[in-house]
């Protein structure tokens, strides 16, 4: 299966392989194994970094939800997200919010699009309260929990249980 998605998490599986989580437009949150990705001469070397937007090809698992990453093409590296800690913190917060609300392998094209737009904005512009507020409001709207007179993030927080810990530090640093 082919998909377009943003790399939102990666972790070691073995000495040479990684587990890579993607937020895709077509399939929602997808987990894949990048076999041999930690080897110096791997075809994945330098291509599996957080926030990268990629075209991916995945071989579906016969059982379970851990698919095999066959190939990828980087569309956007979003290197601007690494220009300072605040940019990276804001991007991490956006990713954590999406990861909390998304069901594994349930298509979420509007949410994946929101994440892409949020990360693309942060790639080009400095993080600010307005951008964070806009992202949170759009998320509340997509979830159907946006209520007049209530701060959007309060509604989202009630819906997901608790907000990512990055939010408190992000808001404090932006003020």
C-alpha atoms as a PDB file:
ATOM      1  CA  UNK A   1       0.000   0.000   0.000  1.00  0.00           C
ATOM      2  CA  UNK A   2       1.149   3.505  -0.766  1.00  0.00           C
ATOM      3  CA  UNK A   3       0.474   6.535   1.398  1.00  0.00           C
ATOM      4  CA  UNK A   4       1.531  10.081   2.096  1.00  0.00           C
ATOM      5  CA  UNK A   5       2.419  10.781   5.705  1.00  0.00           C
ATOM      6  CA  UNK A   6       4.427  12.565   8.340  1.00  0.00           C
ATOM      7  CA  UNK A   7       6.864  10.670  10.523  1.00  0.00           C
ATOM      8  CA  UNK A   8       5.620  11.274  14.090  1.00  0.00           C
ATOM      9  CA  UNK A   9       7.573   8.773  16.183  1.00  0.00           C
ATOM     10  CA  UNK A  10      10.448   6.339  15.843  1.00  0.00           C
ATOM     11  CA  UNK A  11      12.037   3.896  18.230  1.00  0.00           C
ATOM     12  CA  UNK A  12      14.601   1.098  18.073  1.00  0.00           C
ATOM     13  CA  UNK A  13      13.299  -2.406  17.448  1.00  0.00           C
ATOM     14  CA  UNK A  14      16.562  -4.303  17.121  1.00  0.00           C
ATOM     15  CA  UNK A  15      20.218  -3.360  16.705  1.00  0.00           C
ATOM     16  CA  UNK A  16      19.567  -2.579  13.059  1.00  0.00           C
ATOM     17  CA  UNK A  17      15.829  -1.864  12.715  1.00  0.00           C
ATOM     18  CA  UNK A  18      13.400   0.874  13.748  1.00  0.00           C
ATOM     19  CA  UNK A  19       9.689   1.084  14.451  1.00  0.00           C
ATOM     20  CA  UNK A  20       8.362   4.143  12.647  1.00  0.00           C
ATOM     21  CA  UNK A  21       4.942   5.713  13.229  1.00  0.00           C
ATOM     22  CA  UNK A  22       3.323   7.738  10.458  1.00  0.00           C
ATOM     23  CA  UNK A  23       0.325  10.049  10.394  1.00  0.00           C
ATOM     24  CA  UNK A  24      -1.017   9.338   6.925  1.00  0.00           C
ATOM     25  CA  UNK A  25      -3.844  10.884   4.964  1.00  0.00           C
ATOM     26  CA  UNK A  26      -5.056   7.516   3.650  1.00  0.00           C
ATOM     27  CA  UNK A  27      -4.747   5.173   6.634  1.00  0.00           C
ATOM     28  CA  UNK A  28      -4.453   7.313   9.773  1.00  0.00           C
ATOM     29  CA  UNK A  29      -1.730   6.384  12.251  1.00  0.00           C
ATOM     30  CA  UNK A  30       0.335   3.527  10.838  1.00  0.00           C
ATOM     31  CA  UNK A  31       3.227   1.641  12.442  1.00  0.00           C
ATOM     32  CA  UNK A  32       5.943   0.177  10.285  1.00  0.00           C
ATOM     33  CA  UNK A  33       9.248  -1.603  10.659  1.00  0.00           C
ATOM     34  CA  UNK A  34      12.175  -0.114   8.778  1.00  0.00           C
ATOM     35  CA  UNK A  35      14.386  -3.186   8.548  1.00  0.00           C
ATOM     36  CA  UNK A  36      18.091  -2.410   8.580  1.00  0.00           C
ATOM     37  CA  UNK A  37      17.445   1.343   8.926  1.00  0.00           C
ATOM     38  CA  UNK A  38      20.143   1.725  11.597  1.00  0.00           C
ATOM     39  CA  UNK A  39      22.854   0.308   9.369  1.00  0.00           C
ATOM     40  CA  UNK A  40      25.209   2.905   7.851  1.00  0.00           C
ATOM     41  CA  UNK A  41      24.581   1.776   4.268  1.00  0.00           C
ATOM     42  CA  UNK A  42      20.818   1.372   4.627  1.00  0.00           C
ATOM     43  CA  UNK A  43      18.637   2.810   1.857  1.00  0.00           C
ATOM     44  CA  UNK A  44      16.743   4.518   4.714  1.00  0.00           C
ATOM     45  CA  UNK A  45      19.857   6.250   6.102  1.00  0.00           C
ATOM     46  CA  UNK A  46      19.117   9.949   6.657  1.00  0.00           C
ATOM     47  CA  UNK A  47      15.503   9.593   5.497  1.00  0.00           C
ATOM     48  CA  UNK A  48      13.715   8.676   8.723  1.00  0.00           C
ATOM     49  CA  UNK A  49      13.612  11.806  10.848  1.00  0.00           C
ATOM     50  CA  UNK A  50      10.784  13.347  12.836  1.00  0.00           C
ATOM     51  CA  UNK A  51       8.377  15.626  10.987  1.00  0.00           C
ATOM     52  CA  UNK A  52       9.507  14.521   7.508  1.00  0.00           C
ATOM     53  CA  UNK A  53       6.605  14.414   5.052  1.00  0.00           C
ATOM     54  CA  UNK A  54       7.066  11.381   2.807  1.00  0.00           C
ATOM     55  CA  UNK A  55       5.502   9.241   0.138  1.00  0.00           C
ATOM     56  CA  UNK A  56       5.768   5.763   1.626  1.00  0.00           C
ATOM     57  CA  UNK A  57       5.269   2.239   0.419  1.00  0.00           C
ATOM     58  CA  UNK A  58       4.317  -0.292   3.060  1.00  0.00           C
ATOM     59  CA  UNK A  59       3.865  -4.029   2.813  1.00  0.00           C
ATOM     60  CA  UNK A  60       0.844  -4.885   5.023  1.00  0.00           C
ATOM     61  CA  UNK A  61       1.389  -7.228   7.959  1.00  0.00           C
ATOM     62  CA  UNK A  62      -0.276 -10.627   7.702  1.00  0.00           C
ATOM     63  CA  UNK A  63      -1.209 -10.386  11.375  1.00  0.00           C
ATOM     64  CA  UNK A  64      -1.053  -7.466  13.764  1.00  0.00           C
ATOM     65  CA  UNK A  65      -0.493  -3.803  13.022  1.00  0.00           C
ATOM     66  CA  UNK A  66       3.266  -3.659  12.480  1.00  0.00           C
ATOM     67  CA  UNK A  67       3.741  -3.330   8.720  1.00  0.00           C
ATOM     68  CA  UNK A  68       6.997  -3.387   6.756  1.00  0.00           C
ATOM     69  CA  UNK A  69       8.315  -0.156   5.274  1.00  0.00           C
ATOM     70  CA  UNK A  70       9.498  -0.974   1.762  1.00  0.00           C
ATOM     71  CA  UNK A  71      10.344   2.420   0.304  1.00  0.00           C
ATOM     72  CA  UNK A  72       9.960   6.139   0.843  1.00  0.00           C
ATOM     73  CA  UNK A  73      10.510   9.430  -0.882  1.00  0.00           C
ATOM     74  CA  UNK A  74      10.937  12.607   1.177  1.00  0.00           C
ATOM     75  CA  UNK A  75       8.589  15.377   0.026  1.00  0.00           C
ATOM     76  CA  UNK A  76       9.494  17.895   2.743  1.00  0.00           C
ATOM     77  CA  UNK A  77      12.203  17.616   5.376  1.00  0.00           C
ATOM     78  CA  UNK A  78      10.829  20.610   7.336  1.00  0.00           C
ATOM     79  CA  UNK A  79      14.298  21.523   8.597  1.00  0.00           C
ATOM     80  CA  UNK A  80      12.965  24.859   9.881  1.00  0.00           C
ATOM     81  CA  UNK A  81      11.379  22.957  12.757  1.00  0.00           C
ATOM     82  CA  UNK A  82      14.895  22.388  14.104  1.00  0.00           C
ATOM     83  CA  UNK A  83      16.076  26.016  14.005  1.00  0.00           C
ATOM     84  CA  UNK A  84      15.387  26.477  17.722  1.00  0.00           C
ATOM     85  CA  UNK A  85      13.940  24.667  20.706  1.00  0.00           C
ATOM     86  CA  UNK A  86      10.647  26.569  20.601  1.00  0.00           C
ATOM     87  CA  UNK A  87       9.933  25.471  17.008  1.00  0.00           C
ATOM     88  CA  UNK A  88      10.666  21.849  17.879  1.00  0.00           C
ATOM     89  CA  UNK A  89       8.559  22.068  21.050  1.00  0.00           C
ATOM     90  CA  UNK A  90       5.567  23.471  19.132  1.00  0.00           C
ATOM     91  CA  UNK A  91       5.899  20.799  16.421  1.00  0.00           C
ATOM     92  CA  UNK A  92       6.150  18.069  19.077  1.00  0.00           C
ATOM     93  CA  UNK A  93       3.030  19.408  20.787  1.00  0.00           C
ATOM     94  CA  UNK A  94       1.054  19.332  17.526  1.00  0.00           C
ATOM     95  CA  UNK A  95       2.182  15.748  16.871  1.00  0.00           C
ATOM     96  CA  UNK A  96       1.353  14.594  20.412  1.00  0.00           C
ATOM     97  CA  UNK A  97      -2.154  16.070  20.174  1.00  0.00           C
ATOM     98  CA  UNK A  98      -2.812  14.271  16.901  1.00  0.00           C
ATOM     99  CA  UNK A  99      -1.334  11.027  18.214  1.00  0.00           C
ATOM    100  CA  UNK A 100      -3.667  11.176  21.241  1.00  0.00           C
ATOM    101  CA  UNK A 101      -6.854  11.669  19.255  1.00  0.00           C
ATOM    102  CA  UNK A 102      -6.222   9.355  16.295  1.00  0.00           C
ATOM    103  CA  UNK A 103      -7.255   5.740  16.243  1.00  0.00           C
ATOM    104  CA  UNK A 104      -4.642   3.398  14.730  1.00  0.00           C
ATOM    105  CA  UNK A 105      -5.246   2.742  11.034  1.00  0.00           C
ATOM    106  CA  UNK A 106      -8.468   4.784  10.879  1.00  0.00           C
ATOM    107  CA  UNK A 107      -8.398   7.275   7.990  1.00  0.00           C
ATOM    108  CA  UNK A 108      -8.186  10.866   9.218  1.00  0.00           C
ATOM    109  CA  UNK A 109      -7.539  12.994   6.130  1.00  0.00           C
ATOM    110  CA  UNK A 110      -8.720  16.258   7.753  1.00  0.00           C
ATOM    111  CA  UNK A 111      -6.549  15.703  10.821  1.00  0.00           C
ATOM    112  CA  UNK A 112      -3.511  14.651   8.761  1.00  0.00           C
ATOM    113  CA  UNK A 113      -4.018  17.762   6.640  1.00  0.00           C
ATOM    114  CA  UNK A 114      -4.243  19.934   9.773  1.00  0.00           C
ATOM    115  CA  UNK A 115      -0.978  18.435  11.058  1.00  0.00           C
ATOM    116  CA  UNK A 116       0.729  19.054   7.711  1.00  0.00           C
ATOM    117  CA  UNK A 117      -0.500  22.657   7.590  1.00  0.00           C
ATOM    118  CA  UNK A 118       0.584  23.256  11.208  1.00  0.00           C
ATOM    119  CA  UNK A 119       4.052  21.802  10.678  1.00  0.00           C
ATOM    120  CA  UNK A 120       4.476  23.613   7.357  1.00  0.00           C
ATOM    121  CA  UNK A 121       3.568  26.900   9.073  1.00  0.00           C
ATOM    122  CA  UNK A 122       6.119  26.282  11.835  1.00  0.00           C
ATOM    123  CA  UNK A 123       8.702  25.313   9.224  1.00  0.00           C
ATOM    124  CA  UNK A 124       8.435  28.804   7.699  1.00  0.00           C
ATOM    125  CA  UNK A 125       7.365  30.984  10.665  1.00  0.00           C
ATOM    126  CA  UNK A 126       8.207  31.431  14.322  1.00  0.00           C
ATOM    127  CA  UNK A 127       5.927  29.659  16.774  1.00  0.00           C
ATOM    128  CA  UNK A 128       3.472  32.014  18.442  1.00  0.00           C
ATOM    129  CA  UNK A 129       0.333  31.886  20.582  1.00  0.00           C
ATOM    130  CA  UNK A 130      -1.880  32.719  17.615  1.00  0.00           C
ATOM    131  CA  UNK A 131      -0.638  29.714  15.619  1.00  0.00           C
ATOM    132  CA  UNK A 132      -1.048  27.345  18.566  1.00  0.00           C
ATOM    133  CA  UNK A 133      -4.541  28.682  19.255  1.00  0.00           C
ATOM    134  CA  UNK A 134      -5.514  28.309  15.599  1.00  0.00           C
ATOM    135  CA  UNK A 135      -4.277  24.706  15.513  1.00  0.00           C
ATOM    136  CA  UNK A 136      -6.208  23.877  18.693  1.00  0.00           C
ATOM    137  CA  UNK A 137      -9.388  25.552  17.399  1.00  0.00           C
ATOM    138  CA  UNK A 138      -9.210  23.699  14.073  1.00  0.00           C
ATOM    139  CA  UNK A 139      -8.668  20.407  15.924  1.00  0.00           C
ATOM    140  CA  UNK A 140     -11.667  21.053  18.194  1.00  0.00           C
ATOM    141  CA  UNK A 141     -13.750  21.866  15.121  1.00  0.00           C
ATOM    142  CA  UNK A 142     -12.749  18.635  13.330  1.00  0.00           C
ATOM    143  CA  UNK A 143     -13.500  16.620  16.466  1.00  0.00           C
ATOM    144  CA  UNK A 144     -16.903  18.252  16.796  1.00  0.00           C
ATOM    145  CA  UNK A 145     -16.198  19.533  20.323  1.00  0.00           C
ATOM    146  CA  UNK A 146     -15.870  23.257  19.573  1.00  0.00           C
ATOM    147  CA  UNK A 147     -18.303  25.177  21.780  1.00  0.00           C
ATOM    148  CA  UNK A 148     -19.024  28.889  21.848  1.00  0.00           C
ATOM    149  CA  UNK A 149     -17.616  30.571  24.949  1.00  0.00           C
ATOM    150  CA  UNK A 150     -15.303  27.683  25.857  1.00  0.00           C
ATOM    151  CA  UNK A 151     -11.601  27.740  25.041  1.00  0.00           C
ATOM    152  CA  UNK A 152     -11.142  25.126  22.264  1.00  0.00           C
ATOM    153  CA  UNK A 153      -8.264  23.383  24.006  1.00  0.00           C
ATOM    154  CA  UNK A 154     -10.393  22.833  27.133  1.00  0.00           C
ATOM    155  CA  UNK A 155     -12.933  20.970  24.999  1.00  0.00           C
ATOM    156  CA  UNK A 156     -10.186  18.926  23.324  1.00  0.00           C
ATOM    157  CA  UNK A 157      -8.610  18.176  26.722  1.00  0.00           C
ATOM    158  CA  UNK A 158     -11.917  16.905  28.092  1.00  0.00           C
ATOM    159  CA  UNK A 159     -12.372  14.744  25.003  1.00  0.00           C
ATOM    160  CA  UNK A 160      -8.897  13.112  25.152  1.00  0.00           C
ATOM    161  CA  UNK A 161      -8.566  12.948  28.948  1.00  0.00           C
ATOM    162  CA  UNK A 162      -5.450  15.039  29.426  1.00  0.00           C
ATOM    163  CA  UNK A 163      -3.332  17.311  27.289  1.00  0.00           C
ATOM    164  CA  UNK A 164       0.264  16.552  26.265  1.00  0.00           C
ATOM    165  CA  UNK A 165       2.790  17.793  28.834  1.00  0.00           C
ATOM    166  CA  UNK A 166       4.522  19.880  26.131  1.00  0.00           C
ATOM    167  CA  UNK A 167       1.612  22.336  26.058  1.00  0.00           C
ATOM    168  CA  UNK A 168       2.303  23.877  29.465  1.00  0.00           C
ATOM    169  CA  UNK A 169       5.964  24.590  28.674  1.00  0.00           C
ATOM    170  CA  UNK A 170       5.119  25.783  25.152  1.00  0.00           C
ATOM    171  CA  UNK A 171       2.508  28.292  26.343  1.00  0.00           C
ATOM    172  CA  UNK A 172       4.805  29.514  29.125  1.00  0.00           C
ATOM    173  CA  UNK A 173       7.689  30.102  26.694  1.00  0.00           C
ATOM    174  CA  UNK A 174       5.454  31.846  24.145  1.00  0.00           C
ATOM    175  CA  UNK A 175       4.115  34.359  26.684  1.00  0.00           C
END
